[in-house]
């Protein structure tokens, strides 16, 4: 029996093992988010202490991601991911041992968070480069849809719920132990995958021997050069960078105050709103994964991201929690639906020998202005109020989407490069 379009990648054993390992990794990440917070609280830590631990993760990711892209284009993805998961197992096992022994300190947690953030910087480029090496081009949209479903459902829902239950019944140290066990099972699944060679052109010239650091910088430069010379890529990354600046601060910083001050909700109400965002993202991913890639894929993707933010304008003026939940559901739906198209677009149009580096640039752009957005959201919200702040977050993204789409001539580009008719990216596919 032929599987439905969204499930067709599961017919491949390599993919089943890969997605199983990814699900366990996401589950562990979701557990860590909750467990480490309660470990800091158990130690009597302040919000500043928690900020130090959280910042360690962000710094690790930013520091590693560009190098991670170079490594993903030099080393087979399976090897990278095995090394990543082993690093996670060892790091979290050390944290668990220290916590259970009663000797853990804030700086220990900050170091482990830094290491976990660094592994994320290597994971995303390696996974993005490995996926098209094990699946045919016509199944990549479905595979990216699966990831789009797993990320909110496993990392934002199942992982935190499991960690909360374990912390409530035992301690954060025991939650760390379960995280390490989940990551270890992920290592075993990756180990069972068959080795997959790098997807480099057969005739690629061998570089002259140079210092390893210079070689890494040269390869990273090649990724930047490709981005600058490729209008659809440069336009989308520039647009998305500004979108993150406008969007993430209000969601991460101002939304809890809107829930509390306007709807009279507490922690439970805030959790419901975030759950609506995650469920919407899973639904959007599943819908896109179940259909063919749209012919106007660049325009569709940018409009999903831009117009999907419009419901956020309602959050600053409504006093009903259910209205906030509907708005976040719609935004999550559109945002993740566009994300599935974007992941597939990278894997279909970026040359295989550059995919790791371009994926790392994508991840770097997603992280670069996020701290700036969060730092600005609080002062801006106090200065102009929640309603104007969310109005900006809802109405500026559509303007950015239309401007980027037209300025970088994406409607013409997507017609000249119909993805349903081509399956192998080349260096000239710009």
Foldseek 3Di string as FASTA:
>chain_A
DQDFLLCNVVVFLLLVLVVLLVLLLLLLLLLCVQLVVVLCVVVVHDVVLVVLQQVLLLVLLLVQQLLLLLVLLVDQLLVLLLVLLVLLLVLLLVVLVCVVVVNDDSVSSSNSSNSNSNSVSNNQLSVLLNVCQRDFLQNLLSSLLVVLQSNLCNNVPVNNVVSVVCCVVDRSSVSSVVSSVSSVVSSVSSVPRDGGDAQDDPPDDDDDDDDPVVVSVVLLVVLVVLQVVDLLNVLVLVLVLVLLLLAQQCLPPVLQVLCCVQQVDDPVLNSLLSSLLSVLSSVLSSVSSSDGQDLLNSLLLLQLQQQLLQLLLCSQPHSHSVSSSVSSSSSSNSNNNSVSSVSSCLSQAPASSSSSSSSSSSVSSSSVCNVVSNVVSVVVCVVPNSNVSSNSSNNVSNVSSVCSCVVSVSSVLSNVCRRVVDRHYDSPSD
